[in-house]
Amino acid sequence: MRKKIYTVIELADEGNKISYLYDLIMMISIVASIVPLAFKETYAVFQWIEYITLGVFVIDYLLRLWTADIKLQKGALSYIIYPFTPMAVIDLLAILPSVSFFTGGLRLLKLFRLLRTLKILRALKFLRYSSSFYVILNVFRKQKRLLSAVATMAVTYIFISALVIYNVEPESFHSFFEAVYWATISLTTVGYGDIYPVTTIGRMVTMVSSVFGVAVVALPSGVITAGYLSELSREKCDRD
């Protein structure tokens, strides 16, 4: 019984229509629960949507907790470990904001209303039902050494650029954080224009930072793209 439920609530396999239907219901529920966030006004229909989607999320969470030992393969310890796994935390944070609907009469529990801002995390639940997400996750796992090296290089470059510009133009940058902020947006070539150097040396540093920034940003893009294509090719070979 529990194994059948596990095969249904996990990402649908080809040919498993019940699991596919379950994933479809969950995705519709996620979208429906997020729609009210696009409106400033509160309507009665939004409350009904909240009640229904909350029920769906709670049932999904309980089913996943009930089958945690099958997923984690750690026996009784699985029930303790599972609530702290990343996706389980996201599931719980998607449920907590709705507690305010049932605690309106208690002043202390009204603090849960603050959690309503976490509703946007429900969008992350989509990742659980996306096969593309698992492909990308495998890419990150296999290329983690390269991506870690690129990330280290980017952080180092931002830090060095910030130090240079902070000492070259102390009048334009009132704190080191502002310099780090400038270095980050220069690295990504965004350039909002809210903070910028005014001296010739400062502008030269900005030019160099932007040119090298293009190369640093392009590196992880190339690694991820190559890994993604390789993963898709591997999956195609497995199906054939």
Foldseek 3Di string as FASTA:
>chain_A
DLVVLVQQLAADDPPPVNNVVLLVVLVVLLVLLCVCVVDPDDDPVNVVSLVVSLVSLVVSLVSCLVNQCVVVVPPPCSNVCVCVDPLNVLSVLLNQCSVCVVPVPDPVVVVSPVSVVSNVSSVVNNLRHDPLNVLLVVLCVVCVVVVVVLVVVLVVLLLVLLVVLCVVCVPQDVDSVSSSVLLVCLLVVNCPPPGADDDPVRVVSSVVSNVVSVVSVVRVVVSSVVSSVVSVVVVVVVVD
